Amino acid sequence: MTFEHAYWGERPIGPDVVARLIAELHRSLDGSTRGKFAELLGEMGDASVVPVLVAELDHPEPVVRQWAVLALEQLEMPEGIRDAARHRALHAEEFA
């Protein structure tokens, strides 16, 4: 499945979907693509991805960090919200 199929098409379901999205995120060298995988992980609603998204807050590309923040906020898990808020406060220029 290509990124575009995953993003615009019917959302995949099943027990291996989150693991596959994480693997694809880690394989993505392009910041925009990596950020979109972070967005998809946030849309999955699975709290187990919070540590993966928090780790993306240290990615060198701002677009990845921005999508990770948005995904953490969308998940609405307390630890993710806390880390997203901290990142927003420390890097306000990324969200201006």
N, C-alpha and C. Protein backbone atom coordinates (compact mmCIF):
# COMPACT_ATOMS: atom_id res chain seq x y z
N MET A 1 0.85 -1.18 0.00
CA MET A 1 0.00 0.00 0.00
C MET A 1 0.89 1.24 0.00
N THR A 2 0.60 2.16 -0.86
CA THR A 2 1.38 3.39 -0.91
C THR A 2 0.84 4.37 0.13
N PHE A 3 1.64 5.38 0.40
CA PHE A 3 1.22 6.41 1.34
C PHE A 3 -0.10 7.04 0.92
N GLU A 4 -0.23 7.39 -0.36
CA GLU A 4 -1.46 8.04 -0.82
C GLU A 4 -2.68 7.15 -0.64
N HIS A 5 -2.53 5.86 -0.89
CA HIS A 5 -3.66 4.96 -0.66
C HIS A 5 -4.03 4.93 0.82
N ALA A 6 -3.04 4.91 1.67
CA ALA A 6 -3.31 4.89 3.12
C ALA A 6 -3.95 6.18 3.58
N TYR A 7 -3.53 7.29 2.98
CA TYR A 7 -4.03 8.58 3.45
C TYR A 7 -5.41 8.91 2.90
N TRP A 8 -5.61 8.75 1.60
CA TRP A 8 -6.87 9.15 0.99
C TRP A 8 -7.86 8.01 0.86
N GLY A 9 -7.39 6.80 0.86
CA GLY A 9 -8.28 5.66 0.68
C GLY A 9 -8.93 5.23 1.98
N GLU A 10 -9.57 4.12 1.90
CA GLU A 10 -10.19 3.55 3.09
C GLU A 10 -9.09 3.22 4.10
N ARG A 11 -9.34 3.57 5.35
CA ARG A 11 -8.33 3.32 6.39
C ARG A 11 -8.19 1.83 6.64
N PRO A 12 -6.94 1.36 6.70
CA PRO A 12 -6.73 -0.06 7.00
C PRO A 12 -7.11 -0.37 8.44
N ILE A 13 -7.53 -1.59 8.66
CA ILE A 13 -7.88 -2.01 10.01
C ILE A 13 -7.20 -3.35 10.29
N GLY A 14 -7.15 -3.71 11.55
CA GLY A 14 -6.57 -5.00 11.92
C GLY A 14 -5.44 -4.83 12.91
N PRO A 15 -5.03 -5.92 13.51
CA PRO A 15 -4.04 -5.86 14.59
C PRO A 15 -2.64 -5.43 14.14
N ASP A 16 -2.32 -5.59 12.87
CA ASP A 16 -0.97 -5.25 12.44
C ASP A 16 -0.84 -3.84 11.86
N VAL A 17 -1.92 -3.10 11.80
CA VAL A 17 -1.90 -1.79 11.15
C VAL A 17 -0.99 -0.81 11.87
N VAL A 18 -1.12 -0.69 13.18
CA VAL A 18 -0.31 0.27 13.92
C VAL A 18 1.17 -0.07 13.79
N ALA A 19 1.50 -1.34 13.92
CA ALA A 19 2.90 -1.74 13.79
C ALA A 19 3.43 -1.43 12.39
N ARG A 20 2.62 -1.63 11.40
CA ARG A 20 3.04 -1.35 10.01
C ARG A 20 3.23 0.15 9.79
N LEU A 21 2.32 0.97 10.33
CA LEU A 21 2.47 2.42 10.20
C LEU A 21 3.74 2.91 10.91
N ILE A 22 4.03 2.35 12.07
CA ILE A 22 5.25 2.72 12.79
C ILE A 22 6.48 2.34 11.98
N ALA A 23 6.47 1.14 11.42
CA ALA A 23 7.59 0.70 10.60
C ALA A 23 7.78 1.62 9.39
N GLU A 24 6.68 1.99 8.74
CA GLU A 24 6.77 2.88 7.59
C GLU A 24 7.26 4.27 8.00
N LEU A 25 6.81 4.76 9.14
CA LEU A 25 7.28 6.04 9.64
C LEU A 25 8.79 5.99 9.81
N HIS A 26 9.30 4.95 10.44
CA HIS A 26 10.74 4.84 10.69
C HIS A 26 11.55 4.66 9.40
N ARG A 27 10.95 4.09 8.38
CA ARG A 27 11.64 3.92 7.10
C ARG A 27 11.64 5.19 6.25
N SER A 28 10.72 6.10 6.54
CA SER A 28 10.56 7.30 5.72
C SER A 28 11.72 8.27 5.93
N LEU A 29 12.40 8.59 4.86
CA LEU A 29 13.51 9.53 4.93
C LEU A 29 13.05 10.96 4.68
N ASP A 30 11.96 11.12 3.95
CA ASP A 30 11.40 12.43 3.64
C ASP A 30 10.58 12.92 4.83
N GLY A 31 10.85 14.13 5.28
CA GLY A 31 10.17 14.68 6.44
C GLY A 31 8.67 14.80 6.27
N SER A 32 8.21 15.21 5.10
CA SER A 32 6.77 15.35 4.88
C SER A 32 6.06 14.01 4.96
N THR A 33 6.67 12.99 4.37
CA THR A 33 6.07 11.66 4.41
C THR A 33 6.07 11.13 5.83
N ARG A 34 7.17 11.33 6.52
CA ARG A 34 7.26 10.87 7.91
C ARG A 34 6.21 11.59 8.76
N GLY A 35 6.03 12.87 8.52
CA GLY A 35 5.02 13.63 9.25
C GLY A 35 3.62 13.12 8.99
N LYS A 36 3.34 12.74 7.75
CA LYS A 36 2.01 12.21 7.42
C LYS A 36 1.77 10.87 8.10
N PHE A 37 2.82 10.06 8.21
CA PHE A 37 2.66 8.81 8.95
C PHE A 37 2.39 9.10 10.43
N ALA A 38 3.01 10.13 10.97
CA ALA A 38 2.72 10.53 12.35
C ALA A 38 1.25 10.95 12.46
N GLU A 39 0.78 11.69 11.47
CA GLU A 39 -0.62 12.11 11.47
C GLU A 39 -1.55 10.89 11.46
N LEU A 40 -1.26 9.93 10.60
CA LEU A 40 -2.08 8.71 10.54
C LEU A 40 -2.07 7.97 11.87
N LEU A 41 -0.92 7.92 12.52
CA LEU A 41 -0.85 7.26 13.83
C LEU A 41 -1.73 7.98 14.84
N GLY A 42 -1.76 9.30 14.80
CA GLY A 42 -2.64 10.05 15.69
C GLY A 42 -4.10 9.77 15.42
N GLU A 43 -4.44 9.56 14.15
CA GLU A 43 -5.83 9.27 13.79
C GLU A 43 -6.27 7.87 14.19
N MET A 44 -5.31 6.98 14.43
CA MET A 44 -5.66 5.60 14.78
C MET A 44 -6.30 5.51 16.17
N GLY A 45 -6.01 6.47 17.04
CA GLY A 45 -6.62 6.47 18.37
C GLY A 45 -6.04 5.44 19.32
N ASP A 46 -4.85 4.94 19.03
CA ASP A 46 -4.22 3.89 19.82
C ASP A 46 -3.17 4.52 20.74
N ALA A 47 -3.40 4.44 22.04
CA ALA A 47 -2.50 5.07 23.01
C ALA A 47 -1.09 4.50 22.98
N SER A 48 -0.93 3.31 22.44
CA SER A 48 0.41 2.69 22.42
C SER A 48 1.39 3.45 21.53
N VAL A 49 0.91 4.34 20.68
CA VAL A 49 1.81 5.07 19.78
C VAL A 49 2.37 6.34 20.41
N VAL A 50 1.91 6.70 21.60
CA VAL A 50 2.38 7.93 22.24
C VAL A 50 3.91 7.96 22.34
N PRO A 51 4.58 6.92 22.83
CA PRO A 51 6.05 6.99 22.90
C PRO A 51 6.72 7.17 21.54
N VAL A 52 6.16 6.58 20.51
CA VAL A 52 6.71 6.73 19.15
C VAL A 52 6.60 8.19 18.72
N LEU A 53 5.44 8.79 18.95
CA LEU A 53 5.23 10.18 18.55
C LEU A 53 6.06 11.13 19.40
N VAL A 54 6.20 10.84 20.68
CA VAL A 54 7.04 11.69 21.55
C VAL A 54 8.48 11.66 21.04
N ALA A 55 8.96 10.50 20.62
CA ALA A 55 10.32 10.40 20.08
C ALA A 55 10.48 11.27 18.83
N GLU A 56 9.41 11.42 18.05
CA GLU A 56 9.47 12.24 16.83
C GLU A 56 9.62 13.73 17.14
N LEU A 57 9.36 14.13 18.37
CA LEU A 57 9.53 15.53 18.76
C LEU A 57 11.00 15.95 18.70
N ASP A 58 11.91 14.98 18.66
CA ASP A 58 13.34 15.27 18.54
C ASP A 58 13.86 15.14 17.12
N HIS A 59 12.97 14.89 16.17
CA HIS A 59 13.41 14.73 14.78
C HIS A 59 14.02 16.05 14.29
N PRO A 60 15.04 15.98 13.44
CA PRO A 60 15.68 17.22 12.98
C PRO A 60 14.81 18.09 12.08
N GLU A 61 13.79 17.53 11.43
CA GLU A 61 12.97 18.33 10.53
C GLU A 61 11.73 18.88 11.24
N PRO A 62 11.51 20.19 11.17
CA PRO A 62 10.36 20.80 11.84
C PRO A 62 9.02 20.21 11.43
N VAL A 63 8.86 19.87 10.15
CA VAL A 63 7.56 19.34 9.69
C VAL A 63 7.21 18.04 10.43
N VAL A 64 8.19 17.23 10.71
CA VAL A 64 7.95 15.99 11.45
C VAL A 64 7.52 16.31 12.87
N ARG A 65 8.22 17.22 13.50
CA ARG A 65 7.88 17.61 14.88
C ARG A 65 6.47 18.21 14.95
N GLN A 66 6.12 19.03 13.96
CA GLN A 66 4.79 19.65 13.95
C GLN A 66 3.70 18.58 13.86
N TRP A 67 3.86 17.63 12.95
CA TRP A 67 2.85 16.58 12.81
C TRP A 67 2.80 15.70 14.05
N ALA A 68 3.95 15.48 14.68
CA ALA A 68 3.95 14.67 15.90
C ALA A 68 3.17 15.38 17.01
N VAL A 69 3.34 16.68 17.14
CA VAL A 69 2.59 17.45 18.13
C VAL A 69 1.09 17.34 17.85
N LEU A 70 0.70 17.56 16.61
CA LEU A 70 -0.72 17.49 16.26
C LEU A 70 -1.29 16.09 16.52
N ALA A 71 -0.52 15.07 16.21
CA ALA A 71 -0.98 13.69 16.44
C ALA A 71 -1.13 13.42 17.94
N LEU A 72 -0.18 13.88 18.73
CA LEU A 72 -0.27 13.69 20.19
C LEU A 72 -1.50 14.41 20.74
N GLU A 73 -1.76 15.59 20.26
CA GLU A 73 -2.94 16.34 20.72
C GLU A 73 -4.22 15.61 20.31
N GLN A 74 -4.23 15.05 19.12
CA GLN A 74 -5.43 14.35 18.65
C GLN A 74 -5.71 13.10 19.48
N LEU A 75 -4.67 12.43 19.94
CA LEU A 75 -4.85 11.22 20.74
C LEU A 75 -5.46 11.51 22.11
N GLU A 76 -5.22 12.73 22.60
CA GLU A 76 -5.79 13.18 23.88
C GLU A 76 -5.41 12.30 25.07
N MET A 77 -4.19 11.76 25.05
CA MET A 77 -3.67 11.01 26.18
C MET A 77 -2.86 11.98 27.04
N PRO A 78 -3.05 11.97 28.37
CA PRO A 78 -2.39 12.97 29.22
C PRO A 78 -0.90 13.12 29.00
N GLU A 79 -0.17 12.01 28.89
CA GLU A 79 1.29 12.12 28.72
C GLU A 79 1.64 12.72 27.35
N GLY A 80 0.87 12.41 26.34
CA GLY A 80 1.10 12.98 25.02
C GLY A 80 0.77 14.46 24.97
N ILE A 81 -0.34 14.81 25.60
CA ILE A 81 -0.74 16.23 25.66
C ILE A 81 0.34 17.04 26.38
N ARG A 82 0.86 16.49 27.47
CA ARG A 82 1.90 17.19 28.24
C ARG A 82 3.14 17.44 27.39
N ASP A 83 3.60 16.39 26.70
CA ASP A 83 4.81 16.54 25.89
C ASP A 83 4.57 17.45 24.68
N ALA A 84 3.39 17.37 24.08
CA ALA A 84 3.06 18.25 22.97
C ALA A 84 3.03 19.71 23.42
N ALA A 85 2.43 19.97 24.58
CA ALA A 85 2.37 21.34 25.11
C ALA A 85 3.76 21.86 25.43
N ARG A 86 4.59 21.01 25.98
CA ARG A 86 5.97 21.41 26.30
C ARG A 86 6.72 21.75 25.00
N HIS A 87 6.54 20.93 23.99
CA HIS A 87 7.22 21.20 22.72
C HIS A 87 6.72 22.51 22.11
N ARG A 88 5.41 22.72 22.14
CA ARG A 88 4.85 23.98 21.60
C ARG A 88 5.43 25.19 22.34
N ALA A 89 5.56 25.07 23.66
CA ALA A 89 6.07 26.19 24.45
C ALA A 89 7.54 26.47 24.14
N LEU A 90 8.33 25.42 23.97
CA LEU A 90 9.76 25.58 23.70
C LEU A 90 10.07 25.96 22.26
N HIS A 91 9.14 25.64 21.35
CA HIS A 91 9.38 25.87 19.92
C HIS A 91 8.19 26.59 19.27
N ALA A 92 7.78 27.67 19.88
CA ALA A 92 6.62 28.42 19.39
C ALA A 92 6.78 28.86 17.94
N GLU A 93 8.02 29.10 17.52
CA GLU A 93 8.25 29.55 16.14
C GLU A 93 7.81 28.51 15.11
N GLU A 94 7.76 27.25 15.48
CA GLU A 94 7.35 26.20 14.55
C GLU A 94 5.84 26.22 14.28
N PHE A 95 5.11 26.91 15.14
CA PHE A 95 3.65 26.89 15.05
C PHE A 95 3.07 28.27 14.76
N ALA A 96 3.94 29.22 14.40
CA ALA A 96 3.49 30.59 14.14
C ALA A 96 2.84 30.71 12.79
